C-alpha atoms as a PDB file:
ATOM      1  CA  LEU A   1      51.669  44.019 112.052  1.00  0.00           C
ATOM      2  CA  THR A   2      54.655  45.193 110.123  1.00  0.00           C
ATOM      3  CA  ARG A   3      52.424  45.915 107.022  1.00  0.00           C
ATOM      4  CA  LEU A   4      49.832  47.757 109.203  1.00  0.00           C
ATOM      5  CA  LEU A   5      52.829  49.850 110.841  1.00  0.00           C
ATOM      6  CA  ILE A   6      54.219  50.690 107.408  1.00  0.00           C
ATOM      7  CA  SER A   7      50.783  51.793 106.062  1.00  0.00           C
ATOM      8  CA  PHE A   8      50.284  53.866 109.216  1.00  0.00           C
ATOM      9  CA  ILE A   9      53.543  55.563 108.853  1.00  0.00           C
ATOM     10  CA  TYR A  10      52.926  56.186 105.268  1.00  0.00           C
ATOM     11  CA  LEU A  11      49.546  57.850 106.225  1.00  0.00           C
ATOM     12  CA  ILE A  12      51.150  60.030 108.914  1.00  0.00           C
ATOM     13  CA  LEU A  13      53.926  61.195 106.471  1.00  0.00           C
ATOM     14  CA  ASP A  14      51.396  62.127 103.697  1.00  0.00           C
ATOM     15  CA  LYS A  15      49.422  64.052 106.215  1.00  0.00           C
ATOM     16  CA  ILE A  16      52.339  65.873 107.766  1.00  0.00           C
ATOM     17  CA  LEU A  17      54.711  66.401 104.774  1.00  0.00           C
ATOM     18  CA  LEU A  18      52.223  66.580 101.687  1.00  0.00           C
ATOM     19  CA  ASP A  19      49.845  68.975 103.188  1.00  0.00           C
ATOM     20  CA  GLN A  20      49.923  71.680 100.541  1.00  0.00           C
ATOM     21  CA  SER A  21      48.272  74.477 102.416  1.00  0.00           C
ATOM     22  CA  ASN A  22      50.376  77.621 103.098  1.00  0.00           C
ATOM     23  CA  LEU A  23      53.341  76.206 101.156  1.00  0.00           C
ATOM     24  CA  THR A  24      55.300  77.866  98.304  1.00  0.00           C
ATOM     25  CA  ILE A  25      55.927  75.983  95.060  1.00  0.00           C
ATOM     26  CA  ILE A  26      59.560  75.315  96.119  1.00  0.00           C
ATOM     27  CA  GLN A  27      58.544  73.966  99.559  1.00  0.00           C
ATOM     28  CA  GLN A  28      55.907  71.674  97.863  1.00  0.00           C
ATOM     29  CA  LYS A  29      58.612  70.203  95.397  1.00  0.00           C
ATOM     30  CA  ARG A  30      61.086  69.726  98.345  1.00  0.00           C
ATOM     31  CA  ARG A  31      58.365  67.783 100.278  1.00  0.00           C
ATOM     32  CA  GLN A  32      57.296  65.680  97.242  1.00  0.00           C
ATOM     33  CA  THR A  33      61.027  64.961  96.636  1.00  0.00           C
ATOM     34  CA  ILE A  34      61.971  63.903 100.177  1.00  0.00           C
ATOM     35  CA  THR A  35      58.683  62.074 101.105  1.00  0.00           C
ATOM     36  CA  PRO A  36      59.454  58.977  99.045  1.00  0.00           C
ATOM     37  CA  LEU A  37      62.838  58.662 100.419  1.00  0.00           C
ATOM     38  CA  ILE A  38      61.593  58.960 104.044  1.00  0.00           C
ATOM     39  CA  LYS A  39      59.073  56.213 103.291  1.00  0.00           C
ATOM     40  CA  SER A  40      61.652  53.967 101.755  1.00  0.00           C
ATOM     41  CA  VAL A  41      64.017  54.392 104.691  1.00  0.00           C
ATOM     42  CA  SER A  42      61.207  53.861 107.174  1.00  0.00           C
ATOM     43  CA  LYS A  43      59.983  50.566 105.312  1.00  0.00           C
ATOM     44  CA  TYR A  44      63.438  48.956 105.442  1.00  0.00           C
ATOM     45  CA  PHE A  45      64.061  49.972 109.025  1.00  0.00           C
ATOM     46  CA  ILE A  46      60.677  48.442 110.051  1.00  0.00           C
ATOM     47  CA  TYR A  47      61.434  45.271 108.119  1.00  0.00           C
ATOM     48  CA  PHE A  48      64.860  45.031 109.706  1.00  0.00           C
ATOM     49  CA  SER A  49      63.428  45.585 113.197  1.00  0.00           C
ATOM     50  CA  ALA A  50      60.759  42.943 112.462  1.00  0.00           C
ATOM     51  CA  ALA A  51      63.341  40.416 111.301  1.00  0.00           C
ATOM     52  CA  ILE A  52      65.363  41.032 114.611  1.00  0.00           C
ATOM     53  CA  ILE A  53      62.370  40.463 116.686  1.00  0.00           C
ATOM     54  CA  LEU A  54      61.387  37.425 114.820  1.00  0.00           C
ATOM     55  CA  LEU A  55      64.731  35.946 115.349  1.00  0.00           C
ATOM     56  CA  GLU A  56      64.645  36.540 119.031  1.00  0.00           C
ATOM     57  CA  THR A  57      61.179  35.136 119.197  1.00  0.00           C
ATOM     58  CA  ILE A  58      62.198  31.764 117.724  1.00  0.00           C
ATOM     59  CA  GLY A  59      65.334  31.601 119.999  1.00  0.00           C
ATOM     60  CA  VAL A  60      67.988  32.687 117.658  1.00  0.00           C
ATOM     61  CA  ASN A  61      70.622  35.161 118.819  1.00  0.00           C
ATOM     62  CA  PRO A  62      70.794  37.975 116.201  1.00  0.00           C
ATOM     63  CA  ALA A  63      74.087  39.401 117.387  1.00  0.00           C
ATOM     64  CA  PRO A  64      76.369  36.999 115.549  1.00  0.00           C
ATOM     65  CA  ILE A  65      74.248  37.373 112.311  1.00  0.00           C
ATOM     66  CA  LEU A  66      74.504  41.159 112.520  1.00  0.00           C
ATOM     67  CA  ALA A  67      78.179  40.947 113.116  1.00  0.00           C
ATOM     68  CA  GLY A  68      78.569  38.745 110.178  1.00  0.00           C
ATOM     69  CA  ALA A  69      76.343  40.909 107.973  1.00  0.00           C
ATOM     70  CA  GLY A  70      78.426  43.904 108.790  1.00  0.00           C
ATOM     71  CA  VAL A  71      81.612  42.358 107.715  1.00  0.00           C
ATOM     72  CA  VAL A  72      79.944  41.122 104.496  1.00  0.00           C
ATOM     73  CA  GLY A  73      78.280  44.758 103.992  1.00  0.00           C
ATOM     74  CA  LEU A  74      81.922  46.257 104.407  1.00  0.00           C
ATOM     75  CA  ALA A  75      83.403  43.926 101.820  1.00  0.00           C
ATOM     76  CA  LEU A  76      80.481  44.795  99.330  1.00  0.00           C
ATOM     77  CA  SER A  77      80.756  48.452  99.803  1.00  0.00           C
ATOM     78  CA  LEU A  78      84.459  48.361  99.058  1.00  0.00           C
ATOM     79  CA  GLY A  79      83.900  46.271  95.933  1.00  0.00           C
ATOM     80  CA  ALA A  80      80.687  48.264  94.844  1.00  0.00           C
ATOM     81  CA  GLN A  81      82.283  51.618  94.376  1.00  0.00           C
ATOM     82  CA  ASN A  82      79.683  52.725  91.731  1.00  0.00           C
ATOM     83  CA  LEU A  83      76.952  51.962  94.149  1.00  0.00           C
ATOM     84  CA  VAL A  84      78.550  54.024  96.871  1.00  0.00           C
ATOM     85  CA  ASN A  85      79.134  56.785  94.477  1.00  0.00           C
ATOM     86  CA  ASP A  86      75.501  56.771  93.250  1.00  0.00           C
ATOM     87  CA  ILE A  87      74.287  57.004  96.747  1.00  0.00           C
ATOM     88  CA  VAL A  88      76.577  59.755  97.805  1.00  0.00           C
ATOM     89  CA  SER A  89      75.726  61.656  94.711  1.00  0.00           C
ATOM     90  CA  GLY A  90      72.023  61.349  95.391  1.00  0.00           C
ATOM     91  CA  PHE A  91      72.428  62.776  98.844  1.00  0.00           C
ATOM     92  CA  PHE A  92      74.363  65.888  97.479  1.00  0.00           C
ATOM     93  CA  ILE A  93      71.641  66.362  94.816  1.00  0.00           C
ATOM     94  CA  LEU A  94      69.009  66.431  97.494  1.00  0.00           C
ATOM     95  CA  PHE A  95      70.788  68.531 100.031  1.00  0.00           C
ATOM     96  CA  GLU A  96      72.112  71.012  97.594  1.00  0.00           C
ATOM     97  CA  ASN A  97      68.827  71.396  95.798  1.00  0.00           C
ATOM     98  CA  HIS A  98      70.255  70.634  92.287  1.00  0.00           C
ATOM     99  CA  TYR A  99      66.729  69.594  91.179  1.00  0.00           C
ATOM    100  CA  LEU A 100      63.585  68.518  92.710  1.00  0.00           C
ATOM    101  CA  VAL A 101      60.567  66.529  91.745  1.00  0.00           C
ATOM    102  CA  GLY A 102      58.565  68.215  88.907  1.00  0.00           C
ATOM    103  CA  ASP A 103      61.491  70.314  87.769  1.00  0.00           C
ATOM    104  CA  TYR A 104      62.397  70.395  84.064  1.00  0.00           C
ATOM    105  CA  ILE A 105      66.181  69.653  83.464  1.00  0.00           C
ATOM    106  CA  GLU A 106      68.575  68.931  80.694  1.00  0.00           C
ATOM    107  CA  SER A 107      71.753  66.936  80.998  1.00  0.00           C
ATOM    108  CA  GLU A 108      74.142  65.167  78.727  1.00  0.00           C
ATOM    109  CA  GLN A 109      72.108  62.067  78.901  1.00  0.00           C
ATOM    110  CA  ALA A 110      68.508  63.123  78.989  1.00  0.00           C
ATOM    111  CA  SER A 111      66.014  65.983  79.309  1.00  0.00           C
ATOM    112  CA  GLY A 112      62.545  66.217  80.728  1.00  0.00           C
ATOM    113  CA  TYR A 113      60.581  66.436  83.995  1.00  0.00           C
ATOM    114  CA  ILE A 114      61.892  64.870  87.156  1.00  0.00           C
ATOM    115  CA  GLU A 115      59.595  62.093  88.233  1.00  0.00           C
ATOM    116  CA  ALA A 116      61.530  60.621  91.248  1.00  0.00           C
ATOM    117  CA  ILE A 117      64.863  60.982  92.989  1.00  0.00           C
ATOM    118  CA  GLU A 118      66.009  57.867  94.674  1.00  0.00           C
ATOM    119  CA  LEU A 119      69.135  57.133  96.527  1.00  0.00           C
ATOM    120  CA  ARG A 120      70.750  55.474  93.550  1.00  0.00           C
ATOM    121  CA  THR A 121      68.821  56.691  90.536  1.00  0.00           C
ATOM    122  CA  THR A 122      66.957  59.624  89.043  1.00  0.00           C
ATOM    123  CA  ARG A 123      63.986  59.102  86.714  1.00  0.00           C
ATOM    124  CA  ILE A 124      63.249  61.663  84.121  1.00  0.00           C
ATOM    125  CA  ARG A 125      60.094  61.827  81.941  1.00  0.00           C
ATOM    126  CA  HIS A 126      60.734  63.140  78.623  1.00  0.00           C
ATOM    127  CA  GLU A 127      57.989  65.289  76.973  1.00  0.00           C
ATOM    128  CA  ASN A 128      57.418  62.435  74.385  1.00  0.00           C
ATOM    129  CA  GLY A 129      56.580  60.002  77.224  1.00  0.00           C
ATOM    130  CA  GLN A 130      59.694  57.925  77.474  1.00  0.00           C
ATOM    131  CA  VAL A 131      61.368  57.536  80.876  1.00  0.00           C
ATOM    132  CA  TYR A 132      65.112  57.801  81.334  1.00  0.00           C
ATOM    133  CA  ILE A 133      66.596  56.111  84.518  1.00  0.00           C
ATOM    134  CA  LEU A 134      69.961  57.663  85.148  1.00  0.00           C
ATOM    135  CA  ARG A 135      72.416  56.661  87.841  1.00  0.00           C
ATOM    136  CA  ASN A 136      73.113  59.625  90.153  1.00  0.00           C
ATOM    137  CA  GLY A 137      76.795  59.243  89.895  1.00  0.00           C
ATOM    138  CA  ASP A 138      76.617  59.653  86.110  1.00  0.00           C
ATOM    139  CA  ILE A 139      74.726  62.909  86.189  1.00  0.00           C
ATOM    140  CA  ASN A 140      77.223  65.706  85.764  1.00  0.00           C
ATOM    141  CA  THR A 141      76.408  69.011  84.128  1.00  0.00           C
ATOM    142  CA  ILE A 142      72.608  69.896  84.599  1.00  0.00           C
ATOM    143  CA  VAL A 143      70.634  72.760  83.287  1.00  0.00           C
ATOM    144  CA  ASN A 144      67.625  73.450  85.446  1.00  0.00           C
ATOM    145  CA  TYR A 145      64.773  75.316  83.803  1.00  0.00           C
ATOM    146  CA  SER A 146      62.666  75.225  87.089  1.00  0.00           C
ATOM    147  CA  ILE A 147      64.511  77.698  89.389  1.00  0.00           C
ATOM    148  CA  ASP A 148      62.684  81.024  89.973  1.00  0.00           C
ATOM    149  CA  TYR A 149      61.841  81.718  86.219  1.00  0.00           C
ATOM    150  CA  VAL A 150      62.843  80.886  82.664  1.00  0.00           C
ATOM    151  CA  TYR A 151      62.610  82.590  79.385  1.00  0.00           C
ATOM    152  CA  ALA A 152      60.494  81.232  76.411  1.00  0.00           C
ATOM    153  CA  VAL A 153      62.650  82.245  73.508  1.00  0.00           C
ATOM    154  CA  VAL A 154      61.279  82.506  69.997  1.00  0.00           C
ATOM    155  CA  ASP A 155      62.843  83.610  66.794  1.00  0.00           C
ATOM    156  CA  LEU A 156      60.584  85.000  64.039  1.00  0.00           C
ATOM    157  CA  GLY A 157      61.564  85.318  60.405  1.00  0.00           C
ATOM    158  CA  VAL A 158      60.204  88.209  58.267  1.00  0.00           C
ATOM    159  CA  ASP A 159      60.957  89.432  54.755  1.00  0.00           C
ATOM    160  CA  TYR A 160      63.724  91.866  54.202  1.00  0.00           C
ATOM    161  CA  ASN A 161      61.151  94.506  52.833  1.00  0.00           C
ATOM    162  CA  THR A 162      59.124  94.273  56.131  1.00  0.00           C
ATOM    163  CA  ASN A 163      58.721  97.483  58.187  1.00  0.00           C
ATOM    164  CA  LEU A 164      60.585  96.324  61.398  1.00  0.00           C
ATOM    165  CA  THR A 165      59.063  99.127  63.416  1.00  0.00           C
ATOM    166  CA  LEU A 166      55.587  97.687  62.780  1.00  0.00           C
ATOM    167  CA  VAL A 167      56.714  94.140  63.283  1.00  0.00           C
ATOM    168  CA  PHE A 168      58.268  95.071  66.743  1.00  0.00           C
ATOM    169  CA  ALA A 169      55.038  96.881  67.756  1.00  0.00           C
ATOM    170  CA  ILE A 170      52.849  93.884  66.798  1.00  0.00           C
ATOM    171  CA  ILE A 171      55.131  91.515  68.704  1.00  0.00           C
ATOM    172  CA  GLN A 172      55.023  93.723  71.852  1.00  0.00           C
ATOM    173  CA  ARG A 173      51.265  94.275  71.599  1.00  0.00           C
ATOM    174  CA  THR A 174      50.531  90.650  71.112  1.00  0.00           C
ATOM    175  CA  GLY A 175      52.795  89.576  73.930  1.00  0.00           C
ATOM    176  CA  ALA A 176      51.302  91.973  76.378  1.00  0.00           C
ATOM    177  CA  LEU A 177      47.646  90.802  75.512  1.00  0.00           C
ATOM    178  CA  LEU A 178      48.736  87.149  75.888  1.00  0.00           C
ATOM    179  CA  LYS A 179      50.226  87.966  79.299  1.00  0.00           C
ATOM    180  CA  GLU A 180      46.807  89.161  80.483  1.00  0.00           C
ATOM    181  CA  GLU A 181      45.123  85.966  79.397  1.00  0.00           C
ATOM    182  CA  ASN A 182      47.939  83.391  80.583  1.00  0.00           C
ATOM    183  CA  HIS A 183      48.968  83.422  84.294  1.00  0.00           C
ATOM    184  CA  ASP A 184      52.065  81.290  83.441  1.00  0.00           C
ATOM    185  CA  ILE A 185      53.618  84.403  81.846  1.00  0.00           C
ATOM    186  CA  LEU A 186      55.498  86.690  84.176  1.00  0.00           C
ATOM    187  CA  GLU A 187      56.367  89.541  81.889  1.00  0.00           C
ATOM    188  CA  SER A 188      55.433  90.745  78.429  1.00  0.00           C
ATOM    189  CA  THR A 189      57.338  89.666  75.412  1.00  0.00           C
ATOM    190  CA  GLN A 190      60.590  91.542  74.806  1.00  0.00           C
ATOM    191  CA  VAL A 191      61.955  92.140  71.327  1.00  0.00           C
ATOM    192  CA  ILE A 192      65.667  91.782  71.695  1.00  0.00           C
ATOM    193  CA  GLY A 193      66.354  92.845  68.002  1.00  0.00           C
ATOM    194  CA  VAL A 194      67.574  91.410  64.784  1.00  0.00           C
ATOM    195  CA  GLU A 195      69.326  88.253  65.486  1.00  0.00           C
ATOM    196  CA  GLU A 196      70.529  87.131  62.116  1.00  0.00           C
ATOM    197  CA  PHE A 197      70.549  88.119  58.264  1.00  0.00           C
ATOM    198  CA  GLY A 198      69.500  84.880  56.594  1.00  0.00           C
ATOM    199  CA  ASP A 199      69.350  84.120  52.999  1.00  0.00           C
ATOM    200  CA  ILE A 200      65.775  84.886  52.501  1.00  0.00           C
ATOM    201  CA  ARG A 201      64.677  86.459  55.821  1.00  0.00           C
ATOM    202  CA  LEU A 202      65.579  88.509  58.822  1.00  0.00           C
ATOM    203  CA  SER A 203      65.512  86.580  62.082  1.00  0.00           C
ATOM    204  CA  ILE A 204      64.008  88.728  65.080  1.00  0.00           C
ATOM    205  CA  HIS A 205      64.942  87.382  68.598  1.00  0.00           C
ATOM    206  CA  THR A 206      62.233  87.607  71.338  1.00  0.00           C
ATOM    207  CA  LYS A 207      62.059  86.305  74.812  1.00  0.00           C
ATOM    208  CA  THR A 208      59.190  86.210  77.252  1.00  0.00           C
ATOM    209  CA  LYS A 209      59.694  85.564  81.111  1.00  0.00           C
ATOM    210  CA  VAL A 210      57.488  82.677  82.321  1.00  0.00           C
ATOM    211  CA  LYS A 211      57.060  80.399  85.344  1.00  0.00           C
ATOM    212  CA  PRO A 212      59.693  77.697  85.898  1.00  0.00           C
ATOM    213  CA  GLY A 213      59.370  74.701  83.544  1.00  0.00           C
ATOM    214  CA  LYS A 214      56.625  76.441  81.462  1.00  0.00           C
ATOM    215  CA  HIS A 215      58.950  77.549  78.601  1.00  0.00           C
ATOM    216  CA  LEU A 216      58.181  74.892  76.073  1.00  0.00           C
ATOM    217  CA  GLU A 217      54.405  75.248  76.405  1.00  0.00           C
ATOM    218  CA  ILE A 218      54.662  79.161  76.177  1.00  0.00           C
ATOM    219  CA  GLN A 219      56.936  78.825  73.154  1.00  0.00           C
ATOM    220  CA  ARG A 220      54.290  76.883  71.239  1.00  0.00           C
ATOM    221  CA  ILE A 221      51.610  79.366  72.228  1.00  0.00           C
ATOM    222  CA  LEU A 222      53.732  82.328  71.255  1.00  0.00           C
ATOM    223  CA  ARG A 223      54.413  81.010  67.768  1.00  0.00           C
ATOM    224  CA  LYS A 224      50.794  80.535  67.218  1.00  0.00           C
ATOM    225  CA  VAL A 225      49.656  84.000  68.334  1.00  0.00           C
ATOM    226  CA  PHE A 226      52.381  85.666  66.556  1.00  0.00           C
ATOM    227  CA  LYS A 227      51.606  83.796  63.275  1.00  0.00           C
ATOM    228  CA  GLU A 228      48.053  84.895  63.632  1.00  0.00           C
ATOM    229  CA  ALA A 229      48.907  88.454  64.260  1.00  0.00           C
ATOM    230  CA  PHE A 230      51.140  88.540  61.212  1.00  0.00           C
ATOM    231  CA  ASP A 231      48.357  87.122  59.134  1.00  0.00           C
ATOM    232  CA  ARG A 232      45.996  89.777  60.296  1.00  0.00           C
ATOM    233  CA  GLU A 233      48.588  92.499  59.453  1.00  0.00           C
ATOM    234  CA  ASN A 234      49.728  90.932  56.174  1.00  0.00           C
ATOM    235  CA  ILE A 235      53.247  90.396  57.364  1.00  0.00           C
ATOM    236  CA  TYR A 236      55.028  87.860  55.027  1.00  0.00           C
ATOM    237  CA  ILE A 237      56.861  85.019  56.741  1.00  0.00           C
ATOM    238  CA  PRO A 238      59.381  83.506  54.219  1.00  0.00           C
ATOM    239  CA  ILE A 239      59.872  79.792  54.391  1.00  0.00           C
ATOM    240  CA  GLY A 240      62.331  77.669  52.203  1.00  0.00           C
ATOM    241  CA  GLU A 241      61.907  79.270  48.794  1.00  0.00           C
ATOM    242  CA  THR A 242      64.810  80.984  47.049  1.00  0.00           C
ATOM    243  CA  THR A 243      62.329  83.395  45.359  1.00  0.00           C
ATOM    244  CA  THR A 244      60.753  86.424  46.797  1.00  0.00           C
ATOM    245  CA  LYS A 245      57.105  86.890  47.433  1.00  0.00           C
ATOM    246  CA  ASP A 246      56.622  89.030  44.263  1.00  0.00           C
ATOM    247  CA  GLU A 247      58.346  86.599  42.084  1.00  0.00           C
ATOM    248  CA  ARG A 248      56.227  83.786  43.185  1.00  0.00           C
ATOM    249  CA  LEU A 249      53.113  85.687  42.041  1.00  0.00           C
ATOM    250  CA  ILE A 250      54.338  86.847  38.609  1.00  0.00           C
ATOM    251  CA  PRO A 251      54.402  84.192  35.695  1.00  0.00           C
ATOM    252  CA  PHE A 252      57.619  83.759  33.995  1.00  0.00           C
ATOM    253  CA  GLN A 253      58.235  83.688  30.168  1.00  0.00           C
ATOM    254  CA  GLU A 254      60.291  80.956  28.700  1.00  0.00           C
ATOM    255  CA  ASP A 255      61.839  81.237  25.335  1.00  0.00           C
ATOM    256  CA  GLU A 256      59.894  83.165  22.555  1.00  0.00           C
ATOM    257  CA  GLY A 257      57.251  81.150  20.977  1.00  0.00           C
ATOM    258  CA  ARG A 258      56.675  78.882  23.943  1.00  0.00           C
ATOM    259  CA  VAL A 259      53.732  78.911  26.410  1.00  0.00           C
ATOM    260  CA  SER A 260      53.860  80.941  29.633  1.00  0.00           C
ATOM    261  CA  ASN A 261      53.918  78.916  32.762  1.00  0.00           C
ATOM    262  CA  SER A 262      52.831  80.064  36.187  1.00  0.00           C
END
């Protein structure tokens, strides 16, 4: 009967809390975060109640047992400060909306998407697949990429002889076309300007406003479309060479009388 009751409560909670109709993305994330916690508390409460009923059924007075358990629990709580700290930190994380299930965050210990927030721990799935299980009390500084919006930042390197006005126009035109095709992009790509004078190239800084948590995916797409656009316009992208583009195309002469090498 206890298992049936738990299954029934789980079904009701899923029906009430996880109904995705007429909910914003933030509301969906909040419900996906809080539902497992409510299920967990409900399950343990039902098990506890069933145990009390069972003791009374077999003729055992549960009052002294509960009193003793309370004293033991108090002693354990005084000795398990880390456990109490983790639980309290977990409540603050939830109530202050530091992050929710599905958010992409970075902390000192790990980065990735939040898979679950439990009373004592938080599970973070890295984009490479590994799962980090962190104590809530150990999570200090957090960078959340999933609140309202985030920028996909891409730096592009071009040759010093490149016409920057043309490059800026290509980037803006390509970004505008991509925005029409990709619904995760909120605004067209902005060219911030020349970020750095490198040894062999100029670094152009761009940013694109995208939906929360989509910055890594959009960054990869942007690099691809910018590379293709530069290739079409014959815009040279320097890599690790110490020579210029023209020097690589012209054979050099060694000492007189020796054969030319290319």
